[in-house]
PDB file of N, CA and C in Angstrom:
ATOM      1  N   MET A   1     -49.039  -1.809  12.297  1.00  0.00           N
ATOM      2  CA  MET A   1     -47.819  -1.084  12.004  1.00  0.00           C
ATOM      3  C   MET A   1     -47.581  -1.086  10.483  1.00  0.00           C
ATOM      4  N   ILE A   2     -47.234   0.051   9.951  1.00  0.00           N
ATOM      5  CA  ILE A   2     -46.987   0.176   8.520  1.00  0.00           C
ATOM      6  C   ILE A   2     -45.564  -0.260   8.204  1.00  0.00           C
ATOM      7  N   ASP A   3     -45.436  -1.091   7.178  1.00  0.00           N
ATOM      8  CA  ASP A   3     -44.137  -1.553   6.701  1.00  0.00           C
ATOM      9  C   ASP A   3     -43.603  -0.492   5.736  1.00  0.00           C
ATOM     10  N   PRO A   4     -42.548   0.273   6.121  1.00  0.00           N
ATOM     11  CA  PRO A   4     -42.076   1.376   5.286  1.00  0.00           C
ATOM     12  C   PRO A   4     -41.412   0.936   3.981  1.00  0.00           C
ATOM     13  N   ILE A   5     -41.070  -0.338   3.846  1.00  0.00           N
ATOM     14  CA  ILE A   5     -40.443  -0.835   2.625  1.00  0.00           C
ATOM     15  C   ILE A   5     -41.496  -1.357   1.643  1.00  0.00           C
ATOM     16  N   ASN A   6     -42.327  -2.265   2.092  1.00  0.00           N
ATOM     17  CA  ASN A   6     -43.285  -2.923   1.209  1.00  0.00           C
ATOM     18  C   ASN A   6     -44.659  -2.262   1.165  1.00  0.00           C
ATOM     19  N   SER A   7     -44.971  -1.476   2.150  1.00  0.00           N
ATOM     20  CA  SER A   7     -46.311  -0.909   2.193  1.00  0.00           C
ATOM     21  C   SER A   7     -46.359   0.424   2.941  1.00  0.00           C
ATOM     22  N   PRO A   8     -45.585   1.433   2.473  1.00  0.00           N
ATOM     23  CA  PRO A   8     -45.664   2.728   3.139  1.00  0.00           C
ATOM     24  C   PRO A   8     -47.048   3.353   2.947  1.00  0.00           C
ATOM     25  N   ALA A   9     -47.350   4.337   3.727  1.00  0.00           N
ATOM     26  CA  ALA A   9     -48.685   4.935   3.720  1.00  0.00           C
ATOM     27  C   ALA A   9     -49.128   5.366   2.326  1.00  0.00           C
ATOM     28  N   HIS A  10     -48.224   5.964   1.544  1.00  0.00           N
ATOM     29  CA  HIS A  10     -48.636   6.447   0.221  1.00  0.00           C
ATOM     30  C   HIS A  10     -48.791   5.316  -0.801  1.00  0.00           C
ATOM     31  N   TYR A  11     -48.474   4.066  -0.425  1.00  0.00           N
ATOM     32  CA  TYR A  11     -48.692   2.914  -1.301  1.00  0.00           C
ATOM     33  C   TYR A  11     -50.067   2.278  -1.059  1.00  0.00           C
ATOM     34  N   GLN A  12     -50.746   2.703  -0.033  1.00  0.00           N
ATOM     35  CA  GLN A  12     -52.015   2.083   0.304  1.00  0.00           C
ATOM     36  C   GLN A  12     -53.017   2.237  -0.832  1.00  0.00           C
ATOM     37  N   SER A  13     -53.985   1.375  -0.853  1.00  0.00           N
ATOM     38  CA  SER A  13     -54.971   1.338  -1.928  1.00  0.00           C
ATOM     39  C   SER A  13     -55.513   2.726  -2.238  1.00  0.00           C
ATOM     40  N   VAL A  14     -55.608   2.999  -3.520  1.00  0.00           N
ATOM     41  CA  VAL A  14     -56.094   4.303  -3.945  1.00  0.00           C
ATOM     42  C   VAL A  14     -57.474   4.232  -4.573  1.00  0.00           C
ATOM     43  N   CYS A  15     -57.906   3.046  -4.958  1.00  0.00           N
ATOM     44  CA  CYS A  15     -59.241   2.929  -5.531  1.00  0.00           C
ATOM     45  C   CYS A  15     -59.763   1.512  -5.313  1.00  0.00           C
ATOM     46  N   HIS A  16     -61.037   1.359  -5.581  1.00  0.00           N
ATOM     47  CA  HIS A  16     -61.680   0.060  -5.430  1.00  0.00           C
ATOM     48  C   HIS A  16     -62.391  -0.298  -6.726  1.00  0.00           C
ATOM     49  N   CYS A  17     -62.378  -1.576  -7.056  1.00  0.00           N
ATOM     50  CA  CYS A  17     -63.066  -2.056  -8.251  1.00  0.00           C
ATOM     51  C   CYS A  17     -64.554  -1.763  -8.116  1.00  0.00           C
ATOM     52  N   PRO A  18     -65.155  -1.121  -9.118  1.00  0.00           N
ATOM     53  CA  PRO A  18     -66.580  -0.807  -9.017  1.00  0.00           C
ATOM     54  C   PRO A  18     -67.462  -2.051  -9.068  1.00  0.00           C
ATOM     55  N   ASN A  19     -66.954  -3.156  -9.565  1.00  0.00           N
ATOM     56  CA  ASN A  19     -67.759  -4.378  -9.680  1.00  0.00           C
ATOM     57  C   ASN A  19     -67.749  -5.226  -8.418  1.00  0.00           C
ATOM     58  N   CYS A  20     -66.545  -5.393  -7.822  1.00  0.00           N
ATOM     59  CA  CYS A  20     -66.457  -6.295  -6.668  1.00  0.00           C
ATOM     60  C   CYS A  20     -66.029  -5.597  -5.374  1.00  0.00           C
ATOM     61  N   GLY A  21     -65.589  -4.339  -5.480  1.00  0.00           N
ATOM     62  CA  GLY A  21     -65.150  -3.616  -4.289  1.00  0.00           C
ATOM     63  C   GLY A  21     -63.733  -3.936  -3.856  1.00  0.00           C
ATOM     64  N   HIS A  22     -63.027  -4.802  -4.596  1.00  0.00           N
ATOM     65  CA  HIS A  22     -61.642  -5.180  -4.272  1.00  0.00           C
ATOM     66  C   HIS A  22     -60.739  -3.948  -4.305  1.00  0.00           C
ATOM     67  N   ALA A  23     -59.915  -3.804  -3.289  1.00  0.00           N
ATOM     68  CA  ALA A  23     -58.952  -2.705  -3.267  1.00  0.00           C
ATOM     69  C   ALA A  23     -57.888  -2.944  -4.327  1.00  0.00           C
ATOM     70  N   ILE A  24     -57.591  -1.906  -5.103  1.00  0.00           N
ATOM     71  CA  ILE A  24     -56.603  -2.002  -6.169  1.00  0.00           C
ATOM     72  C   ILE A  24     -55.443  -1.080  -5.840  1.00  0.00           C
ATOM     73  N   GLU A  25     -54.242  -1.631  -5.780  1.00  0.00           N
ATOM     74  CA  GLU A  25     -53.055  -0.816  -5.554  1.00  0.00           C
ATOM     75  C   GLU A  25     -52.500  -0.373  -6.900  1.00  0.00           C
ATOM     76  N   ALA A  26     -51.802   0.731  -6.909  1.00  0.00           N
ATOM     77  CA  ALA A  26     -51.264   1.294  -8.140  1.00  0.00           C
ATOM     78  C   ALA A  26     -50.422   0.280  -8.912  1.00  0.00           C
ATOM     79  N   ILE A  27     -49.659  -0.549  -8.220  1.00  0.00           N
ATOM     80  CA  ILE A  27     -48.784  -1.497  -8.913  1.00  0.00           C
ATOM     81  C   ILE A  27     -49.574  -2.493  -9.751  1.00  0.00           C
ATOM     82  N   GLU A  28     -50.798  -2.809  -9.330  1.00  0.00           N
ATOM     83  CA  GLU A  28     -51.628  -3.734 -10.091  1.00  0.00           C
ATOM     84  C   GLU A  28     -51.985  -3.157 -11.457  1.00  0.00           C
ATOM     85  N   ILE A  29     -51.991  -1.861 -11.578  1.00  0.00           N
ATOM     86  CA  ILE A  29     -52.286  -1.199 -12.837  1.00  0.00           C
ATOM     87  C   ILE A  29     -50.989  -0.887 -13.582  1.00  0.00           C
ATOM     88  N   THR A  30     -50.017  -0.311 -12.891  1.00  0.00           N
ATOM     89  CA  THR A  30     -48.813   0.190 -13.559  1.00  0.00           C
ATOM     90  C   THR A  30     -47.905  -0.899 -14.101  1.00  0.00           C
ATOM     91  N   GLU A  31     -47.881  -2.069 -13.481  1.00  0.00           N
ATOM     92  CA  GLU A  31     -46.977  -3.118 -13.950  1.00  0.00           C
ATOM     93  C   GLU A  31     -47.383  -3.675 -15.307  1.00  0.00           C
ATOM     94  N   ARG A  32     -48.544  -3.322 -15.781  1.00  0.00           N
ATOM     95  CA  ARG A  32     -49.018  -3.776 -17.083  1.00  0.00           C
ATOM     96  C   ARG A  32     -48.610  -2.837 -18.216  1.00  0.00           C
ATOM     97  N   HIS A  33     -47.889  -1.790 -17.876  1.00  0.00           N
ATOM     98  CA  HIS A  33     -47.480  -0.779 -18.846  1.00  0.00           C
ATOM     99  C   HIS A  33     -45.958  -0.654 -18.849  1.00  0.00           C
ATOM    100  N   GLY A  34     -45.426   0.049 -19.830  1.00  0.00           N
ATOM    101  CA  GLY A  34     -43.991   0.308 -19.865  1.00  0.00           C
ATOM    102  C   GLY A  34     -43.578   1.215 -18.713  1.00  0.00           C
ATOM    103  N   PHE A  35     -42.293   1.381 -18.555  1.00  0.00           N
ATOM    104  CA  PHE A  35     -41.748   2.131 -17.419  1.00  0.00           C
ATOM    105  C   PHE A  35     -42.291   3.553 -17.319  1.00  0.00           C
ATOM    106  N   ARG A  36     -42.196   4.333 -18.398  1.00  0.00           N
ATOM    107  CA  ARG A  36     -42.599   5.746 -18.325  1.00  0.00           C
ATOM    108  C   ARG A  36     -44.095   5.900 -18.125  1.00  0.00           C
ATOM    109  N   ILE A  37     -44.897   5.149 -18.853  1.00  0.00           N
ATOM    110  CA  ILE A  37     -46.348   5.229 -18.689  1.00  0.00           C
ATOM    111  C   ILE A  37     -46.740   4.723 -17.301  1.00  0.00           C
ATOM    112  N   GLY A  38     -46.116   3.641 -16.870  1.00  0.00           N
ATOM    113  CA  GLY A  38     -46.399   3.104 -15.536  1.00  0.00           C
ATOM    114  C   GLY A  38     -46.096   4.105 -14.444  1.00  0.00           C
ATOM    115  N   ASN A  39     -44.957   4.784 -14.552  1.00  0.00           N
ATOM    116  CA  ASN A  39     -44.615   5.782 -13.532  1.00  0.00           C
ATOM    117  C   ASN A  39     -45.560   6.976 -13.583  1.00  0.00           C
ATOM    118  N   ALA A  40     -45.942   7.408 -14.780  1.00  0.00           N
ATOM    119  CA  ALA A  40     -46.900   8.513 -14.892  1.00  0.00           C
ATOM    120  C   ALA A  40     -48.209   8.126 -14.210  1.00  0.00           C
ATOM    121  N   LEU A  41     -48.699   6.922 -14.474  1.00  0.00           N
ATOM    122  CA  LEU A  41     -49.933   6.458 -13.840  1.00  0.00           C
ATOM    123  C   LEU A  41     -49.782   6.400 -12.321  1.00  0.00           C
ATOM    124  N   LYS A  42     -48.642   5.916 -11.873  1.00  0.00           N
ATOM    125  CA  LYS A  42     -48.389   5.813 -10.426  1.00  0.00           C
ATOM    126  C   LYS A  42     -48.508   7.185  -9.763  1.00  0.00           C
ATOM    127  N   TYR A  43     -47.867   8.199 -10.364  1.00  0.00           N
ATOM    128  CA  TYR A  43     -47.925   9.532  -9.770  1.00  0.00           C
ATOM    129  C   TYR A  43     -49.327  10.120  -9.825  1.00  0.00           C
ATOM    130  N   ILE A  44     -50.071   9.816 -10.878  1.00  0.00           N
ATOM    131  CA  ILE A  44     -51.449  10.307 -10.974  1.00  0.00           C
ATOM    132  C   ILE A  44     -52.329   9.632  -9.921  1.00  0.00           C
ATOM    133  N   LEU A  45     -52.229   8.311  -9.817  1.00  0.00           N
ATOM    134  CA  LEU A  45     -53.061   7.580  -8.864  1.00  0.00           C
ATOM    135  C   LEU A  45     -52.764   7.938  -7.414  1.00  0.00           C
ATOM    136  N   ARG A  46     -51.513   8.270  -7.123  1.00  0.00           N
ATOM    137  CA  ARG A  46     -51.123   8.584  -5.742  1.00  0.00           C
ATOM    138  C   ARG A  46     -50.984  10.085  -5.490  1.00  0.00           C
ATOM    139  N   ALA A  47     -51.429  10.899  -6.437  1.00  0.00           N
ATOM    140  CA  ALA A  47     -51.251  12.354  -6.319  1.00  0.00           C
ATOM    141  C   ALA A  47     -51.746  12.870  -4.972  1.00  0.00           C
ATOM    142  N   GLY A  48     -50.841  13.555  -4.280  1.00  0.00           N
ATOM    143  CA  GLY A  48     -51.171  14.153  -2.987  1.00  0.00           C
ATOM    144  C   GLY A  48     -50.992  13.249  -1.790  1.00  0.00           C
ATOM    145  N   ARG A  49     -50.607  12.011  -1.983  1.00  0.00           N
ATOM    146  CA  ARG A  49     -50.447  11.095  -0.850  1.00  0.00           C
ATOM    147  C   ARG A  49     -49.058  11.159  -0.228  1.00  0.00           C
ATOM    148  N   LYS A  50     -48.042  11.513  -1.015  1.00  0.00           N
ATOM    149  CA  LYS A  50     -46.681  11.597  -0.491  1.00  0.00           C
ATOM    150  C   LYS A  50     -46.215  13.048  -0.526  1.00  0.00           C
ATOM    151  N   ASP A  51     -46.152  13.613  -1.711  1.00  0.00           N
ATOM    152  CA  ASP A  51     -45.817  15.022  -1.874  1.00  0.00           C
ATOM    153  C   ASP A  51     -47.121  15.777  -2.094  1.00  0.00           C
ATOM    154  N   ASP A  52     -47.004  17.069  -2.335  1.00  0.00           N
ATOM    155  CA  ASP A  52     -48.245  17.790  -2.628  1.00  0.00           C
ATOM    156  C   ASP A  52     -48.739  17.376  -4.013  1.00  0.00           C
ATOM    157  N   ARG A  53     -50.014  17.539  -4.248  1.00  0.00           N
ATOM    158  CA  ARG A  53     -50.665  17.074  -5.475  1.00  0.00           C
ATOM    159  C   ARG A  53     -50.015  17.662  -6.730  1.00  0.00           C
ATOM    160  N   ALA A  54     -49.724  18.956  -6.718  1.00  0.00           N
ATOM    161  CA  ALA A  54     -49.127  19.603  -7.893  1.00  0.00           C
ATOM    162  C   ALA A  54     -47.763  19.003  -8.220  1.00  0.00           C
ATOM    163  N   THR A  55     -46.964  18.698  -7.209  1.00  0.00           N
ATOM    164  CA  THR A  55     -45.647  18.087  -7.433  1.00  0.00           C
ATOM    165  C   THR A  55     -45.806  16.709  -8.053  1.00  0.00           C
ATOM    166  N   ASP A  56     -46.726  15.914  -7.531  1.00  0.00           N
ATOM    167  CA  ASP A  56     -46.940  14.576  -8.079  1.00  0.00           C
ATOM    168  C   ASP A  56     -47.428  14.647  -9.520  1.00  0.00           C
ATOM    169  N   LEU A  57     -48.318  15.568  -9.823  1.00  0.00           N
ATOM    170  CA  LEU A  57     -48.812  15.701 -11.192  1.00  0.00           C
ATOM    171  C   LEU A  57     -47.722  16.206 -12.127  1.00  0.00           C
ATOM    172  N   ALA A  58     -46.836  17.059 -11.625  1.00  0.00           N
ATOM    173  CA  ALA A  58     -45.702  17.525 -12.435  1.00  0.00           C
ATOM    174  C   ALA A  58     -44.752  16.359 -12.736  1.00  0.00           C
ATOM    175  N   LYS A  59     -44.562  15.471 -11.764  1.00  0.00           N
ATOM    176  CA  LYS A  59     -43.733  14.285 -11.990  1.00  0.00           C
ATOM    177  C   LYS A  59     -44.367  13.400 -13.057  1.00  0.00           C
ATOM    178  N   ALA A  60     -45.673  13.228 -13.004  1.00  0.00           N
ATOM    179  CA  ALA A  60     -46.375  12.444 -14.015  1.00  0.00           C
ATOM    180  C   ALA A  60     -46.184  13.066 -15.399  1.00  0.00           C
ATOM    181  N   ARG A  61     -46.300  14.381 -15.473  1.00  0.00           N
ATOM    182  CA  ARG A  61     -46.120  15.080 -16.745  1.00  0.00           C
ATOM    183  C   ARG A  61     -44.693  14.874 -17.272  1.00  0.00           C
ATOM    184  N   TRP A  62     -43.710  14.874 -16.379  1.00  0.00           N
ATOM    185  CA  TRP A  62     -42.323  14.662 -16.784  1.00  0.00           C
ATOM    186  C   TRP A  62     -42.181  13.315 -17.494  1.00  0.00           C
ATOM    187  N   TYR A  63     -42.764  12.259 -16.922  1.00  0.00           N
ATOM    188  CA  TYR A  63     -42.706  10.946 -17.558  1.00  0.00           C
ATOM    189  C   TYR A  63     -43.487  10.924 -18.866  1.00  0.00           C
ATOM    190  N   LEU A  64     -44.632  11.585 -18.918  1.00  0.00           N
ATOM    191  CA  LEU A  64     -45.411  11.641 -20.154  1.00  0.00           C
ATOM    192  C   LEU A  64     -44.673  12.405 -21.238  1.00  0.00           C
ATOM    193  N   ASP A  65     -44.002  13.492 -20.873  1.00  0.00           N
ATOM    194  CA  ASP A  65     -43.212  14.250 -21.850  1.00  0.00           C
ATOM    195  C   ASP A  65     -42.091  13.387 -22.431  1.00  0.00           C
ATOM    196  N   ARG A  66     -41.456  12.595 -21.605  1.00  0.00           N
ATOM    197  CA  ARG A  66     -40.393  11.701 -22.095  1.00  0.00           C
ATOM    198  C   ARG A  66     -40.971  10.622 -23.008  1.00  0.00           C
ATOM    199  N   GLU A  67     -42.132  10.126 -22.668  1.00  0.00           N
ATOM    200  CA  GLU A  67     -42.781   9.127 -23.528  1.00  0.00           C
ATOM    201  C   GLU A  67     -43.155   9.734 -24.875  1.00  0.00           C
ATOM    202  N   LEU A  68     -43.684  10.946 -24.837  1.00  0.00           N
ATOM    203  CA  LEU A  68     -44.028  11.640 -26.087  1.00  0.00           C
ATOM    204  C   LEU A  68     -42.797  11.912 -26.941  1.00  0.00           C
ATOM    205  N   ALA A  69     -41.702  12.276 -26.326  1.00  0.00           N
ATOM    206  CA  ALA A  69     -40.461  12.500 -27.060  1.00  0.00           C
ATOM    207  C   ALA A  69     -39.987  11.222 -27.734  1.00  0.00           C
ATOM    208  N   THR A  70     -40.138  10.109 -27.043  1.00  0.00           N
ATOM    209  CA  THR A  70     -39.759   8.815 -27.612  1.00  0.00           C
ATOM    210  C   THR A  70     -40.659   8.476 -28.800  1.00  0.00           C
ATOM    211  N   GLU A  71     -41.941   8.736 -28.678  1.00  0.00           N
ATOM    212  CA  GLU A  71     -42.875   8.473 -29.766  1.00  0.00           C
ATOM    213  C   GLU A  71     -42.491   9.266 -31.010  1.00  0.00           C
ATOM    214  N   GLY A  72     -42.026  10.494 -30.798  1.00  0.00           N
ATOM    215  CA  GLY A  72     -41.654  11.343 -31.911  1.00  0.00           C
ATOM    216  C   GLY A  72     -40.440  10.851 -32.678  1.00  0.00           C
ATOM    217  N   ARG A  73     -39.628  10.002 -32.044  1.00  0.00           N
ATOM    218  CA  ARG A  73     -38.415   9.479 -32.679  1.00  0.00           C
ATOM    219  C   ARG A  73     -38.679   8.182 -33.438  1.00  0.00           C
ATOM    220  N   LYS A  74     -39.885   7.650 -33.334  1.00  0.00           N
ATOM    221  CA  LYS A  74     -40.184   6.382 -34.022  1.00  0.00           C
ATOM    222  C   LYS A  74     -40.471   6.602 -35.485  1.00  0.00           C
TER     223      LYS A  74
END
């Protein structure tokens, strides 16, 4: 049974380590980055698993655009 809070279907492993075959969940990658970059990566890694792929990629672009805007203010 899928746990809809901690492990919904679209949270399931999206890739495997090429060296050891260990399943890697998006959070293992995204938590190492800031909020906007982490969310952009999350939407890219899970593209098409929850919403349609184009919607997920557009969401990723939205976070990247905000990150770029922040960079421009530094």
